[in-house]
Amino acid sequence: KASITMHENRAREEVQQRAREAAEERLLDVLLPAPTSWQASATGDKEGEKSAEKLVRGIEASKSRPLANVIFALGIRNVGEATARDLARHFGNLDALVAADVDALQQVPDVGPIVAECIAEFFAEPHNREVIEQLRAAGVQWAEGEPQGSVAGALAGKTFVLTGTLPTLSRDEAKAL
């Protein structure tokens, strides 16, 4: 029985390592410029100073990305592009997102308990925090802004008038919403 547990642990570690490597590759794909934008200038007919300058400009431009792109590129389980945009909009900056607990994460539209738990677990891993610090050290920047909170907060306390019929709801059921 002990050997089975040892094999299970080893298999689990391998899966986690592969997931980390896949996430790092995804980060590079999202954060670095596409080869067509800079490789052609480095390997084209015109060699020398001008193509080298284009290469450097392309690399420097790739270091500035929208926060939503960085969140998506981190490869957090169950976080797609739309959820990454919602998280960026809601928290405004990466540090606030990293520090958020499950309850705070569930305040984001379309983030339920499962997704919130995935996000919290991701940022609880020291390796994932190290990757973020390495990106910062490499000069990667992401646009941050003021947190906008949830849309529900902006609609709180408002009165809505429904006219016409609602085929699937009674008037009292609609009021309860």
N, C-alpha and C. Protein backbone atom coordinates (compact mmCIF):
# COMPACT_ATOMS: atom_id res chain seq x y z
N LYS A 1 0.82 -1.20 0.00
CA LYS A 1 0.00 0.00 0.00
C LYS A 1 0.86 1.26 0.00
N ALA A 2 1.97 1.23 0.71
CA ALA A 2 2.87 2.39 0.76
C ALA A 2 3.46 2.68 -0.61
N SER A 3 3.76 1.62 -1.39
CA SER A 3 4.34 1.84 -2.72
C SER A 3 3.31 2.46 -3.66
N ILE A 4 2.02 2.13 -3.48
CA ILE A 4 0.98 2.73 -4.31
C ILE A 4 0.87 4.21 -4.00
N THR A 5 0.89 4.57 -2.73
CA THR A 5 0.84 5.98 -2.34
C THR A 5 2.04 6.73 -2.88
N MET A 6 3.23 6.12 -2.82
CA MET A 6 4.42 6.75 -3.34
C MET A 6 4.29 6.99 -4.85
N HIS A 7 3.75 6.02 -5.58
CA HIS A 7 3.56 6.16 -7.02
C HIS A 7 2.51 7.24 -7.32
N GLU A 8 1.46 7.27 -6.52
CA GLU A 8 0.43 8.30 -6.71
C GLU A 8 1.02 9.69 -6.50
N ASN A 9 1.83 9.85 -5.45
CA ASN A 9 2.46 11.14 -5.18
C ASN A 9 3.40 11.55 -6.31
N ARG A 10 4.17 10.59 -6.80
CA ARG A 10 5.10 10.87 -7.89
C ARG A 10 4.33 11.28 -9.15
N ALA A 11 3.24 10.58 -9.44
CA ALA A 11 2.42 10.90 -10.61
C ALA A 11 1.79 12.29 -10.44
N ARG A 12 1.31 12.59 -9.24
CA ARG A 12 0.72 13.91 -8.98
C ARG A 12 1.75 15.02 -9.17
N GLU A 13 2.97 14.80 -8.69
CA GLU A 13 4.05 15.78 -8.85
C GLU A 13 4.37 16.00 -10.32
N GLU A 14 4.40 14.92 -11.10
CA GLU A 14 4.66 15.04 -12.54
C GLU A 14 3.58 15.86 -13.23
N VAL A 15 2.33 15.60 -12.89
CA VAL A 15 1.23 16.35 -13.50
C VAL A 15 1.33 17.82 -13.14
N GLN A 16 1.64 18.13 -11.87
CA GLN A 16 1.77 19.52 -11.45
C GLN A 16 2.93 20.20 -12.17
N GLN A 17 4.05 19.49 -12.34
CA GLN A 17 5.19 20.06 -13.04
C GLN A 17 4.84 20.36 -14.50
N ARG A 18 4.16 19.42 -15.16
CA ARG A 18 3.76 19.64 -16.55
C ARG A 18 2.79 20.81 -16.66
N ALA A 19 1.90 20.95 -15.70
CA ALA A 19 0.95 22.07 -15.71
C ALA A 19 1.70 23.39 -15.55
N ARG A 20 2.71 23.42 -14.67
CA ARG A 20 3.50 24.65 -14.50
C ARG A 20 4.24 24.99 -15.79
N GLU A 21 4.84 23.98 -16.43
CA GLU A 21 5.57 24.22 -17.68
C GLU A 21 4.64 24.71 -18.77
N ALA A 22 3.44 24.14 -18.86
CA ALA A 22 2.46 24.58 -19.86
C ALA A 22 2.04 26.01 -19.60
N ALA A 23 1.86 26.37 -18.33
CA ALA A 23 1.47 27.74 -17.99
C ALA A 23 2.58 28.72 -18.35
N GLU A 24 3.83 28.34 -18.12
CA GLU A 24 4.95 29.22 -18.47
C GLU A 24 5.05 29.42 -19.98
N GLU A 25 4.84 28.35 -20.75
CA GLU A 25 4.85 28.47 -22.21
C GLU A 25 3.72 29.39 -22.67
N ARG A 26 2.55 29.25 -22.06
CA ARG A 26 1.41 30.08 -22.41
C ARG A 26 1.69 31.54 -22.10
N LEU A 27 2.36 31.80 -20.96
CA LEU A 27 2.74 33.16 -20.62
C LEU A 27 3.63 33.76 -21.70
N LEU A 28 4.62 32.98 -22.12
CA LEU A 28 5.52 33.48 -23.16
C LEU A 28 4.78 33.75 -24.46
N ASP A 29 3.85 32.87 -24.82
CA ASP A 29 3.09 33.06 -26.05
C ASP A 29 2.28 34.34 -26.01
N VAL A 30 1.68 34.64 -24.87
CA VAL A 30 0.83 35.82 -24.76
C VAL A 30 1.65 37.09 -24.61
N LEU A 31 2.74 37.02 -23.86
CA LEU A 31 3.47 38.24 -23.53
C LEU A 31 4.55 38.62 -24.53
N LEU A 32 5.06 37.65 -25.28
CA LEU A 32 6.08 38.00 -26.27
C LEU A 32 5.42 38.26 -27.62
N PRO A 33 6.01 39.11 -28.44
CA PRO A 33 5.40 39.39 -29.74
C PRO A 33 5.42 38.15 -30.63
N ALA A 34 4.46 38.10 -31.53
CA ALA A 34 4.41 36.99 -32.47
C ALA A 34 5.66 37.03 -33.34
N PRO A 35 6.21 35.87 -33.72
CA PRO A 35 7.43 35.84 -34.52
C PRO A 35 7.34 36.66 -35.79
N THR A 36 6.17 36.72 -36.39
CA THR A 36 6.05 37.46 -37.63
C THR A 36 6.30 38.94 -37.45
N SER A 37 6.09 39.48 -36.24
CA SER A 37 6.27 40.90 -36.04
C SER A 37 7.72 41.30 -35.83
N TRP A 38 8.56 40.38 -35.37
CA TRP A 38 9.94 40.77 -35.14
C TRP A 38 10.95 39.84 -35.79
N GLN A 39 10.60 38.59 -36.00
CA GLN A 39 11.55 37.65 -36.58
C GLN A 39 11.86 38.02 -38.03
N ALA A 40 10.84 38.45 -38.75
CA ALA A 40 11.05 38.82 -40.15
C ALA A 40 12.05 39.96 -40.26
N SER A 41 11.99 40.91 -39.31
CA SER A 41 12.92 42.03 -39.39
C SER A 41 14.34 41.58 -39.05
N ALA A 42 14.48 40.53 -38.25
CA ALA A 42 15.81 40.06 -37.87
C ALA A 42 16.41 39.13 -38.91
N THR A 43 15.57 38.47 -39.71
CA THR A 43 16.09 37.50 -40.66
C THR A 43 15.83 37.92 -42.11
N GLY A 44 15.28 39.09 -42.30
CA GLY A 44 14.93 39.54 -43.65
C GLY A 44 16.15 39.91 -44.47
N ASP A 45 15.89 40.46 -45.65
CA ASP A 45 16.97 40.84 -46.55
C ASP A 45 17.84 41.95 -45.97
N LYS A 46 17.21 42.90 -45.30
CA LYS A 46 17.97 44.02 -44.73
C LYS A 46 18.49 43.63 -43.35
N GLU A 47 19.79 43.44 -43.28
CA GLU A 47 20.38 43.11 -41.99
C GLU A 47 21.03 44.36 -41.44
N GLY A 48 21.41 44.29 -40.19
CA GLY A 48 22.14 45.40 -39.61
C GLY A 48 21.37 46.16 -38.57
N GLU A 49 21.76 47.41 -38.49
CA GLU A 49 21.27 48.25 -37.40
C GLU A 49 19.76 48.45 -37.42
N LYS A 50 19.18 48.67 -38.59
CA LYS A 50 17.75 48.95 -38.68
C LYS A 50 16.92 47.75 -38.22
N SER A 51 17.27 46.55 -38.65
CA SER A 51 16.50 45.38 -38.23
C SER A 51 16.71 45.09 -36.75
N ALA A 52 17.88 45.35 -36.23
CA ALA A 52 18.14 45.15 -34.80
C ALA A 52 17.29 46.12 -33.98
N GLU A 53 17.16 47.36 -34.46
CA GLU A 53 16.32 48.33 -33.76
C GLU A 53 14.86 47.89 -33.74
N LYS A 54 14.38 47.34 -34.86
CA LYS A 54 13.00 46.85 -34.91
C LYS A 54 12.80 45.70 -33.93
N LEU A 55 13.79 44.84 -33.85
CA LEU A 55 13.71 43.71 -32.92
C LEU A 55 13.62 44.20 -31.48
N VAL A 56 14.47 45.14 -31.12
CA VAL A 56 14.46 45.68 -29.75
C VAL A 56 13.13 46.38 -29.46
N ARG A 57 12.62 47.16 -30.41
CA ARG A 57 11.33 47.84 -30.22
C ARG A 57 10.21 46.83 -30.04
N GLY A 58 10.24 45.75 -30.82
CA GLY A 58 9.21 44.71 -30.69
C GLY A 58 9.24 44.03 -29.34
N ILE A 59 10.43 43.74 -28.85
CA ILE A 59 10.55 43.10 -27.54
C ILE A 59 10.10 44.06 -26.44
N GLU A 60 10.50 45.32 -26.52
CA GLU A 60 10.10 46.29 -25.50
C GLU A 60 8.58 46.51 -25.52
N ALA A 61 8.00 46.58 -26.71
CA ALA A 61 6.55 46.77 -26.82
C ALA A 61 5.81 45.57 -26.22
N SER A 62 6.40 44.39 -26.33
CA SER A 62 5.74 43.19 -25.81
C SER A 62 5.72 43.15 -24.29
N LYS A 63 6.51 43.99 -23.64
CA LYS A 63 6.56 43.98 -22.18
C LYS A 63 5.39 44.73 -21.56
N SER A 64 4.60 45.40 -22.35
CA SER A 64 3.45 46.13 -21.83
C SER A 64 2.18 45.48 -22.35
N ARG A 65 1.41 44.90 -21.44
CA ARG A 65 0.21 44.15 -21.81
C ARG A 65 -0.94 44.56 -20.91
N PRO A 66 -2.17 44.45 -21.40
CA PRO A 66 -3.32 44.69 -20.53
C PRO A 66 -3.36 43.67 -19.39
N LEU A 67 -3.83 44.10 -18.24
CA LEU A 67 -3.90 43.22 -17.07
C LEU A 67 -4.70 41.96 -17.36
N ALA A 68 -5.79 42.08 -18.10
CA ALA A 68 -6.61 40.90 -18.41
C ALA A 68 -5.81 39.86 -19.19
N ASN A 69 -4.95 40.30 -20.10
CA ASN A 69 -4.12 39.36 -20.87
C ASN A 69 -3.15 38.61 -19.95
N VAL A 70 -2.59 39.32 -18.99
CA VAL A 70 -1.65 38.70 -18.06
C VAL A 70 -2.37 37.67 -17.19
N ILE A 71 -3.55 38.05 -16.68
CA ILE A 71 -4.32 37.12 -15.85
C ILE A 71 -4.66 35.86 -16.64
N PHE A 72 -5.11 36.03 -17.87
CA PHE A 72 -5.44 34.88 -18.71
C PHE A 72 -4.19 34.03 -18.99
N ALA A 73 -3.07 34.69 -19.25
CA ALA A 73 -1.84 33.98 -19.59
C ALA A 73 -1.28 33.20 -18.41
N LEU A 74 -1.66 33.55 -17.20
CA LEU A 74 -1.17 32.80 -16.04
C LEU A 74 -1.66 31.35 -16.05
N GLY A 75 -2.72 31.08 -16.80
CA GLY A 75 -3.20 29.70 -16.93
C GLY A 75 -3.94 29.19 -15.71
N ILE A 76 -4.68 30.06 -15.06
CA ILE A 76 -5.45 29.65 -13.89
C ILE A 76 -6.59 28.76 -14.36
N ARG A 77 -6.74 27.61 -13.72
CA ARG A 77 -7.79 26.67 -14.10
C ARG A 77 -9.15 27.35 -14.02
N ASN A 78 -9.98 27.13 -15.04
CA ASN A 78 -11.35 27.66 -15.15
C ASN A 78 -11.43 29.16 -15.38
N VAL A 79 -10.31 29.82 -15.68
CA VAL A 79 -10.33 31.25 -15.96
C VAL A 79 -10.01 31.45 -17.43
N GLY A 80 -11.05 31.81 -18.19
CA GLY A 80 -10.88 32.09 -19.61
C GLY A 80 -10.70 33.59 -19.83
N GLU A 81 -10.75 33.99 -21.08
CA GLU A 81 -10.52 35.39 -21.41
C GLU A 81 -11.59 36.31 -20.80
N ALA A 82 -12.85 35.90 -20.86
CA ALA A 82 -13.93 36.74 -20.32
C ALA A 82 -13.80 36.89 -18.81
N THR A 83 -13.52 35.80 -18.12
CA THR A 83 -13.36 35.87 -16.66
C THR A 83 -12.13 36.70 -16.30
N ALA A 84 -11.06 36.57 -17.07
CA ALA A 84 -9.85 37.38 -16.83
C ALA A 84 -10.17 38.86 -16.97
N ARG A 85 -10.98 39.23 -17.97
CA ARG A 85 -11.39 40.64 -18.14
C ARG A 85 -12.21 41.10 -16.93
N ASP A 86 -13.15 40.24 -16.49
CA ASP A 86 -13.97 40.59 -15.33
C ASP A 86 -13.12 40.77 -14.07
N LEU A 87 -12.15 39.88 -13.88
CA LEU A 87 -11.26 39.99 -12.71
C LEU A 87 -10.43 41.27 -12.77
N ALA A 88 -9.89 41.58 -13.94
CA ALA A 88 -9.09 42.80 -14.10
C ALA A 88 -9.94 44.04 -13.83
N ARG A 89 -11.15 44.05 -14.35
CA ARG A 89 -12.05 45.18 -14.16
C ARG A 89 -12.45 45.32 -12.69
N HIS A 90 -12.76 44.20 -12.05
CA HIS A 90 -13.24 44.23 -10.67
C HIS A 90 -12.15 44.64 -9.68
N PHE A 91 -10.94 44.05 -9.81
CA PHE A 91 -9.89 44.31 -8.83
C PHE A 91 -8.98 45.47 -9.22
N GLY A 92 -8.83 45.74 -10.50
CA GLY A 92 -8.03 46.88 -10.95
C GLY A 92 -6.54 46.64 -11.00
N ASN A 93 -6.01 45.78 -10.14
CA ASN A 93 -4.58 45.50 -10.18
C ASN A 93 -4.31 44.07 -9.72
N LEU A 94 -3.16 43.56 -10.11
CA LEU A 94 -2.83 42.17 -9.84
C LEU A 94 -2.63 41.89 -8.36
N ASP A 95 -2.06 42.84 -7.63
CA ASP A 95 -1.83 42.62 -6.19
C ASP A 95 -3.15 42.43 -5.44
N ALA A 96 -4.17 43.19 -5.80
CA ALA A 96 -5.48 43.04 -5.16
C ALA A 96 -6.08 41.68 -5.48
N LEU A 97 -5.91 41.23 -6.71
CA LEU A 97 -6.41 39.92 -7.10
C LEU A 97 -5.68 38.81 -6.34
N VAL A 98 -4.37 38.91 -6.26
CA VAL A 98 -3.56 37.90 -5.55
C VAL A 98 -3.98 37.83 -4.09
N ALA A 99 -4.30 38.96 -3.49
CA ALA A 99 -4.64 39.01 -2.06
C ALA A 99 -6.09 38.64 -1.77
N ALA A 100 -6.92 38.55 -2.80
CA ALA A 100 -8.35 38.31 -2.60
C ALA A 100 -8.62 36.92 -2.06
N ASP A 101 -9.57 36.83 -1.13
CA ASP A 101 -9.99 35.52 -0.63
C ASP A 101 -11.18 35.03 -1.46
N VAL A 102 -11.63 33.83 -1.18
CA VAL A 102 -12.69 33.19 -1.96
C VAL A 102 -13.96 34.05 -1.95
N ASP A 103 -14.31 34.62 -0.80
CA ASP A 103 -15.52 35.44 -0.72
C ASP A 103 -15.41 36.68 -1.61
N ALA A 104 -14.26 37.33 -1.59
CA ALA A 104 -14.07 38.52 -2.43
C ALA A 104 -14.10 38.14 -3.90
N LEU A 105 -13.54 37.00 -4.25
CA LEU A 105 -13.53 36.55 -5.65
C LEU A 105 -14.94 36.28 -6.14
N GLN A 106 -15.80 35.78 -5.26
CA GLN A 106 -17.18 35.46 -5.66
C GLN A 106 -18.03 36.72 -5.88
N GLN A 107 -17.51 37.88 -5.54
CA GLN A 107 -18.21 39.14 -5.81
C GLN A 107 -18.07 39.55 -7.28
N VAL A 108 -17.16 38.91 -7.99
CA VAL A 108 -16.95 39.20 -9.41
C VAL A 108 -18.07 38.51 -10.21
N PRO A 109 -18.67 39.22 -11.16
CA PRO A 109 -19.73 38.59 -11.97
C PRO A 109 -19.24 37.29 -12.61
N ASP A 110 -20.09 36.28 -12.58
CA ASP A 110 -19.84 34.98 -13.20
C ASP A 110 -18.72 34.17 -12.54
N VAL A 111 -18.27 34.57 -11.36
CA VAL A 111 -17.29 33.77 -10.61
C VAL A 111 -18.03 33.13 -9.45
N GLY A 112 -18.17 31.81 -9.54
CA GLY A 112 -18.83 31.05 -8.49
C GLY A 112 -17.83 30.43 -7.56
N PRO A 113 -18.29 29.56 -6.69
CA PRO A 113 -17.39 28.97 -5.69
C PRO A 113 -16.27 28.12 -6.28
N ILE A 114 -16.54 27.42 -7.36
CA ILE A 114 -15.50 26.55 -7.96
C ILE A 114 -14.39 27.39 -8.58
N VAL A 115 -14.77 28.38 -9.37
CA VAL A 115 -13.77 29.24 -10.01
C VAL A 115 -13.01 30.03 -8.95
N ALA A 116 -13.73 30.55 -7.96
CA ALA A 116 -13.08 31.31 -6.89
C ALA A 116 -12.05 30.45 -6.17
N GLU A 117 -12.39 29.21 -5.92
CA GLU A 117 -11.46 28.30 -5.24
C GLU A 117 -10.23 28.03 -6.12
N CYS A 118 -10.44 27.86 -7.42
CA CYS A 118 -9.31 27.64 -8.34
C CYS A 118 -8.35 28.83 -8.32
N ILE A 119 -8.91 30.04 -8.33
CA ILE A 119 -8.08 31.25 -8.32
C ILE A 119 -7.32 31.35 -7.01
N ALA A 120 -8.01 31.15 -5.90
CA ALA A 120 -7.36 31.24 -4.58
C ALA A 120 -6.25 30.19 -4.45
N GLU A 121 -6.51 28.97 -4.90
CA GLU A 121 -5.49 27.92 -4.84
C GLU A 121 -4.29 28.27 -5.71
N PHE A 122 -4.55 28.85 -6.89
CA PHE A 122 -3.47 29.22 -7.80
C PHE A 122 -2.52 30.20 -7.12
N PHE A 123 -3.08 31.26 -6.53
CA PHE A 123 -2.23 32.28 -5.92
C PHE A 123 -1.67 31.85 -4.57
N ALA A 124 -2.18 30.79 -3.99
CA ALA A 124 -1.61 30.26 -2.74
C ALA A 124 -0.32 29.49 -3.00
N GLU A 125 -0.11 29.06 -4.25
CA GLU A 125 1.11 28.34 -4.62
C GLU A 125 2.29 29.31 -4.70
N PRO A 126 3.35 29.11 -3.92
CA PRO A 126 4.51 30.00 -3.96
C PRO A 126 5.12 30.12 -5.36
N HIS A 127 5.11 29.03 -6.11
CA HIS A 127 5.70 29.06 -7.46
C HIS A 127 4.98 30.08 -8.34
N ASN A 128 3.67 30.16 -8.24
CA ASN A 128 2.91 31.09 -9.08
C ASN A 128 3.19 32.54 -8.71
N ARG A 129 3.37 32.80 -7.43
CA ARG A 129 3.74 34.16 -7.00
C ARG A 129 5.15 34.50 -7.49
N GLU A 130 6.03 33.51 -7.50
CA GLU A 130 7.40 33.73 -7.99
C GLU A 130 7.39 34.09 -9.47
N VAL A 131 6.54 33.44 -10.25
CA VAL A 131 6.45 33.73 -11.68
C VAL A 131 6.05 35.18 -11.89
N ILE A 132 5.10 35.66 -11.11
CA ILE A 132 4.66 37.06 -11.22
C ILE A 132 5.82 38.00 -10.89
N GLU A 133 6.57 37.68 -9.85
CA GLU A 133 7.71 38.52 -9.48
C GLU A 133 8.80 38.47 -10.56
N GLN A 134 8.99 37.32 -11.18
CA GLN A 134 9.97 37.21 -12.27
C GLN A 134 9.55 38.05 -13.47
N LEU A 135 8.26 38.08 -13.75
CA LEU A 135 7.76 38.92 -14.84
C LEU A 135 8.04 40.39 -14.54
N ARG A 136 7.77 40.80 -13.33
CA ARG A 136 8.04 42.19 -12.93
C ARG A 136 9.53 42.50 -13.05
N ALA A 137 10.37 41.57 -12.58
CA ALA A 137 11.82 41.78 -12.63
C ALA A 137 12.32 41.86 -14.07
N ALA A 138 11.64 41.15 -14.98
CA ALA A 138 12.03 41.17 -16.39
C ALA A 138 11.53 42.42 -17.10
N GLY A 139 10.78 43.25 -16.38
CA GLY A 139 10.31 44.50 -16.97
C GLY A 139 8.94 44.41 -17.62
N VAL A 140 8.25 43.29 -17.44
CA VAL A 140 6.91 43.16 -17.99
C VAL A 140 5.98 44.04 -17.15
N GLN A 141 5.19 44.85 -17.84
CA GLN A 141 4.26 45.76 -17.16
C GLN A 141 2.86 45.48 -17.66
N TRP A 142 1.89 45.68 -16.82
CA TRP A 142 0.50 45.52 -17.22
C TRP A 142 -0.25 46.75 -16.75
N ALA A 143 -1.18 47.16 -17.59
CA ALA A 143 -1.98 48.34 -17.27
C ALA A 143 -2.90 48.02 -16.10
N GLU A 144 -2.82 48.85 -15.08
CA GLU A 144 -3.67 48.68 -13.92
C GLU A 144 -4.50 49.94 -13.75
N GLY A 145 -5.64 49.80 -13.11
CA GLY A 145 -6.51 50.94 -12.91
C GLY A 145 -7.26 50.82 -11.60
N GLU A 146 -8.23 51.68 -11.44
CA GLU A 146 -9.06 51.66 -10.24
C GLU A 146 -10.03 50.49 -10.33
N PRO A 147 -10.24 49.79 -9.23
CA PRO A 147 -11.23 48.71 -9.25
C PRO A 147 -12.61 49.29 -9.53
N GLN A 148 -13.37 48.58 -10.37
CA GLN A 148 -14.69 49.06 -10.73
C GLN A 148 -15.79 48.34 -9.98
N GLY A 149 -15.44 47.30 -9.23
CA GLY A 149 -16.46 46.57 -8.49
C GLY A 149 -17.38 45.84 -9.43
N SER A 150 -18.43 45.29 -8.90
CA SER A 150 -19.35 44.51 -9.72
C SER A 150 -20.46 45.38 -10.26
N VAL A 151 -21.04 44.94 -11.36
CA VAL A 151 -22.15 45.65 -11.96
C VAL A 151 -23.33 45.64 -11.01
N ALA A 152 -23.51 44.55 -10.26
CA ALA A 152 -24.62 44.46 -9.32
C ALA A 152 -24.58 45.61 -8.33
N GLY A 153 -23.39 46.00 -7.90
CA GLY A 153 -23.24 47.11 -6.98
C GLY A 153 -23.73 48.41 -7.59
N ALA A 154 -23.50 48.60 -8.89
CA ALA A 154 -23.94 49.81 -9.57
C ALA A 154 -25.44 49.84 -9.72
N LEU A 155 -26.09 48.67 -9.73
CA LEU A 155 -27.54 48.61 -9.90
C LEU A 155 -28.29 48.49 -8.57
N ALA A 156 -27.54 48.33 -7.49
CA ALA A 156 -28.17 48.16 -6.18
C ALA A 156 -29.02 49.37 -5.85
N GLY A 157 -30.21 49.12 -5.35
CA GLY A 157 -31.10 50.21 -4.93
C GLY A 157 -31.91 50.82 -6.05
N LYS A 158 -31.72 50.39 -7.27
CA LYS A 158 -32.46 50.93 -8.42
C LYS A 158 -33.80 50.21 -8.55
N THR A 159 -34.76 50.91 -9.09
CA THR A 159 -36.08 50.34 -9.32
C THR A 159 -36.26 50.12 -10.80
N PHE A 160 -36.76 48.95 -11.17
CA PHE A 160 -37.00 48.63 -12.57
C PHE A 160 -38.48 48.38 -12.76
N VAL A 161 -39.01 48.90 -13.85
CA VAL A 161 -40.41 48.69 -14.18
C VAL A 161 -40.49 47.72 -15.35
N LEU A 162 -41.20 46.61 -15.15
CA LEU A 162 -41.37 45.62 -16.20
C LEU A 162 -42.77 45.78 -16.78
N THR A 163 -42.83 45.94 -18.09
CA THR A 163 -44.12 46.04 -18.74
C THR A 163 -44.31 44.83 -19.65
N GLY A 164 -45.56 44.53 -19.95
CA GLY A 164 -45.82 43.39 -20.83
C GLY A 164 -45.93 42.12 -20.01
N THR A 165 -45.83 41.00 -20.70
CA THR A 165 -45.96 39.71 -20.02
C THR A 165 -44.63 39.01 -19.96
N LEU A 166 -44.49 38.19 -18.95
CA LEU A 166 -43.30 37.37 -18.80
C LEU A 166 -43.76 35.92 -18.87
N PRO A 167 -43.48 35.25 -19.97
CA PRO A 167 -44.03 33.92 -20.17
C PRO A 167 -43.59 32.87 -19.15
N THR A 168 -42.44 33.04 -18.54
CA THR A 168 -41.95 32.00 -17.62
C THR A 168 -42.02 32.42 -16.16
N LEU A 169 -42.43 33.67 -15.88
CA LEU A 169 -42.47 34.16 -14.50
C LEU A 169 -43.80 34.81 -14.19
N SER A 170 -44.24 34.65 -12.96
CA SER A 170 -45.40 35.42 -12.51
C SER A 170 -44.89 36.79 -12.08
N ARG A 171 -45.78 37.73 -11.88
CA ARG A 171 -45.38 39.07 -11.47
C ARG A 171 -44.64 39.02 -10.12
N ASP A 172 -45.13 38.19 -9.19
CA ASP A 172 -44.48 38.07 -7.88
C ASP A 172 -43.09 37.46 -7.99
N GLU A 173 -42.91 36.49 -8.88
CA GLU A 173 -41.59 35.88 -9.09
C GLU A 173 -40.63 36.89 -9.67
N ALA A 174 -41.09 37.71 -10.60
CA ALA A 174 -40.25 38.75 -11.19
C ALA A 174 -39.88 39.78 -10.14
N LYS A 175 -40.79 40.13 -9.25
CA LYS A 175 -40.51 41.09 -8.17
C LYS A 175 -39.41 40.56 -7.26
N ALA A 176 -39.45 39.27 -7.00
CA ALA A 176 -38.48 38.66 -6.10
C ALA A 176 -37.05 38.73 -6.66
N LEU A 177 -36.94 38.79 -7.96
CA LEU A 177 -35.61 38.86 -8.58
C LEU A 177 -35.02 40.22 -8.29
